[in-house]
Amino acid sequence: MKPIYTLSILLAMIFVVQCTSSKKLLEQGNYYEAVIKATEKLRKSPNNKKAQAALRQAYPLAVDYLLDDIRRVEKTNDAQRWSTTATIYQQLNGMYEAIQTSPQARRVVSNPRSFYEQYGVVKNKAAQEQYTAGERELRKNTIESARQAYWHFQQARQ
């Protein structure tokens, strides 16, 4: 009985997450997710006025928010700052690609910004950062640190 109850709760949670509208995501401040969700809806239903309005509002807010996040991260002394910055640039480029692959989204956001050049610069720094972290973990000479080193080397490779 307990597994069925747990499964039904899990399915209900997945349903709630899937049914979240782009407008609701926008209102919650999840600008990136709102852009992605709105472009998905516009691919399926190009005349969806709510998705168009949400995309029109969410895209500039998402870009501003993510660029502010990059500026904040680059000013820190965080050991993973370049990796974090690379991830944020991937999100920015993900929004660009989502808009570019939806004709109606391209009409709503006529000039989406590409950040491939910036990502190219940052990903090399992120790879070096991960490689250095992997070497540092290997020098600890423990099983757990070897696992961590492997993870860092995999991240550097990606």
Protein backbone atom coordinates (compact mmCIF):
# COMPACT_ATOMS: atom_id res chain seq x y z
CA MET A 1 0.00 0.00 0.00
CA LYS A 2 2.79 2.41 0.89
CA PRO A 3 4.56 2.17 -2.53
CA ILE A 4 1.30 2.99 -4.34
CA TYR A 5 0.75 6.02 -2.10
CA THR A 6 4.30 7.22 -2.66
CA LEU A 7 3.99 6.69 -6.40
CA SER A 8 0.73 8.65 -6.55
CA ILE A 9 2.29 11.58 -4.66
CA LEU A 10 5.29 11.52 -6.98
CA LEU A 11 3.07 11.51 -10.08
CA ALA A 12 0.98 14.36 -8.67
CA MET A 13 4.14 16.43 -8.08
CA ILE A 14 5.35 15.77 -11.61
CA PHE A 15 1.93 16.77 -12.96
CA VAL A 16 2.01 20.05 -11.00
CA VAL A 17 5.51 20.86 -12.27
CA GLN A 18 4.53 20.03 -15.86
CA CYS A 19 1.37 22.14 -15.67
CA THR A 20 3.10 25.26 -14.44
CA SER A 21 2.39 27.97 -16.95
CA SER A 22 4.97 30.35 -18.35
CA LYS A 23 2.96 33.21 -16.86
CA LYS A 24 3.11 31.63 -13.40
CA LEU A 25 6.86 31.04 -13.76
CA LEU A 26 7.27 34.69 -14.76
CA GLU A 27 5.30 35.84 -11.72
CA GLN A 28 7.49 33.67 -9.50
CA GLY A 29 10.65 35.26 -10.90
CA ASN A 30 11.76 32.13 -12.77
CA TYR A 31 12.49 34.09 -15.93
CA TYR A 32 14.68 31.50 -17.65
CA GLU A 33 12.13 28.74 -17.14
CA ALA A 34 9.35 31.09 -18.28
CA VAL A 35 11.19 31.73 -21.56
CA ILE A 36 11.78 28.03 -22.19
CA LYS A 37 8.19 27.10 -21.32
CA ALA A 38 6.73 29.93 -23.47
CA THR A 39 8.80 28.93 -26.50
CA GLU A 40 7.71 25.29 -26.09
CA LYS A 41 4.09 26.40 -25.98
CA LEU A 42 4.55 28.62 -29.04
CA ARG A 43 5.99 25.69 -30.99
CA LYS A 44 2.86 23.68 -30.25
CA SER A 45 0.36 26.56 -30.43
CA PRO A 46 1.73 29.60 -32.30
CA ASN A 47 -1.34 31.73 -31.54
CA ASN A 48 -1.15 31.29 -27.76
CA LYS A 49 -1.48 34.91 -26.58
CA LYS A 50 -0.54 34.14 -22.98
CA ALA A 51 2.70 32.45 -24.03
CA GLN A 52 3.49 35.35 -26.37
CA ALA A 53 2.95 37.89 -23.59
CA ALA A 54 4.97 35.85 -21.11
CA LEU A 55 7.85 35.49 -23.57
CA ARG A 56 7.80 39.19 -24.42
CA GLN A 57 8.13 40.03 -20.71
CA ALA A 58 10.33 37.19 -19.53
CA TYR A 59 13.11 37.24 -22.14
CA PRO A 60 14.61 40.67 -21.33
CA LEU A 61 14.21 40.00 -17.61
CA ALA A 62 15.95 36.62 -17.96
CA VAL A 63 18.85 38.10 -19.92
CA ASP A 64 19.31 40.93 -17.41
CA TYR A 65 19.09 38.57 -14.45
CA LEU A 66 21.58 36.07 -15.88
CA LEU A 67 24.05 38.78 -16.94
CA ASP A 68 23.86 40.29 -13.45
CA ASP A 69 24.52 36.83 -12.07
CA ILE A 70 27.62 36.55 -14.28
CA ARG A 71 28.91 39.92 -13.08
CA ARG A 72 28.34 38.89 -9.47
CA VAL A 73 30.06 35.51 -9.87
CA GLU A 74 33.06 36.96 -11.72
CA LYS A 75 33.73 39.33 -8.81
CA THR A 76 33.96 36.51 -6.26
CA ASN A 77 36.94 34.41 -5.31
CA ASP A 78 34.87 31.24 -5.67
CA ALA A 79 37.00 28.32 -6.83
CA GLN A 80 34.29 27.37 -9.36
CA ARG A 81 33.49 30.84 -10.69
CA TRP A 82 34.41 30.13 -14.32
CA SER A 83 32.44 26.90 -14.34
CA THR A 84 29.44 28.73 -12.92
CA THR A 85 29.85 31.50 -15.49
CA ALA A 86 30.05 28.93 -18.31
CA THR A 87 26.82 27.32 -17.09
CA ILE A 88 25.06 30.68 -17.10
CA TYR A 89 26.26 31.40 -20.65
CA GLN A 90 24.89 28.00 -21.65
CA GLN A 91 21.52 29.06 -20.25
CA LEU A 92 21.65 32.32 -22.22
CA ASN A 93 22.49 30.42 -25.39
CA GLY A 94 19.77 27.87 -24.61
CA MET A 95 17.20 30.67 -24.60
CA TYR A 96 18.62 31.99 -27.87
CA GLU A 97 18.31 28.56 -29.49
CA ALA A 98 14.81 28.01 -28.13
CA ILE A 99 13.66 31.29 -29.65
CA GLN A 100 15.48 30.69 -32.92
CA THR A 101 13.78 27.31 -33.37
CA SER A 102 10.26 28.65 -32.89
CA PRO A 103 8.97 30.86 -35.73
CA GLN A 104 6.37 32.53 -33.53
CA ALA A 105 8.88 33.10 -30.73
CA ARG A 106 11.15 34.79 -33.29
CA ARG A 107 8.29 37.15 -34.12
CA VAL A 108 7.74 37.95 -30.45
CA VAL A 109 11.45 38.44 -29.66
CA SER A 110 12.83 39.87 -32.85
CA ASN A 111 16.43 40.24 -31.68
CA PRO A 112 17.46 37.47 -29.28
CA ARG A 113 21.07 37.74 -28.16
CA SER A 114 23.68 35.07 -28.76
CA PHE A 115 26.49 34.58 -26.24
CA TYR A 116 28.53 31.91 -28.03
CA GLU A 117 31.64 34.08 -28.29
CA GLN A 118 31.66 34.84 -24.54
CA TYR A 119 30.96 31.18 -23.78
CA GLY A 120 33.93 30.14 -25.92
CA VAL A 121 36.27 32.29 -23.85
CA VAL A 122 34.84 31.26 -20.49
CA LYS A 123 34.63 27.52 -21.19
CA ASN A 124 38.42 27.33 -21.62
CA LYS A 125 38.88 29.01 -18.24
CA ALA A 126 36.28 26.67 -16.72
CA ALA A 127 38.06 23.62 -18.14
CA GLN A 128 41.37 24.77 -16.66
CA GLU A 129 39.64 25.47 -13.36
CA GLN A 130 38.19 21.94 -13.25
CA TYR A 131 41.50 20.36 -14.25
CA THR A 132 43.32 22.24 -11.49
CA ALA A 133 40.69 21.17 -8.96
CA GLY A 134 41.10 17.57 -10.10
CA GLU A 135 44.86 17.72 -9.63
CA ARG A 136 44.39 19.24 -6.17
CA GLU A 137 42.04 16.38 -5.20
CA LEU A 138 44.47 13.74 -6.49
CA ARG A 139 47.23 15.12 -4.26
CA LYS A 140 45.07 14.32 -1.20
CA ASN A 141 45.64 10.64 -1.97
CA THR A 142 42.36 9.22 -0.63
CA ILE A 143 39.67 7.16 -2.32
CA GLU A 144 37.07 9.88 -1.92
CA SER A 145 39.38 12.55 -3.26
CA ALA A 146 40.19 10.31 -6.24
CA ARG A 147 36.46 10.12 -6.96
CA GLN A 148 36.21 13.88 -6.72
CA ALA A 149 39.23 14.25 -9.00
CA TYR A 150 37.61 11.96 -11.56
CA TRP A 151 34.46 14.11 -11.45
CA HIS A 152 36.52 17.29 -11.95
CA PHE A 153 38.40 15.75 -14.88
CA GLN A 154 35.09 14.74 -16.47
CA GLN A 155 33.84 18.31 -16.05
CA ALA A 156 37.04 19.64 -17.61
CA ARG A 157 36.58 17.32 -20.57
CA GLN A 158 33.02 18.51 -21.12
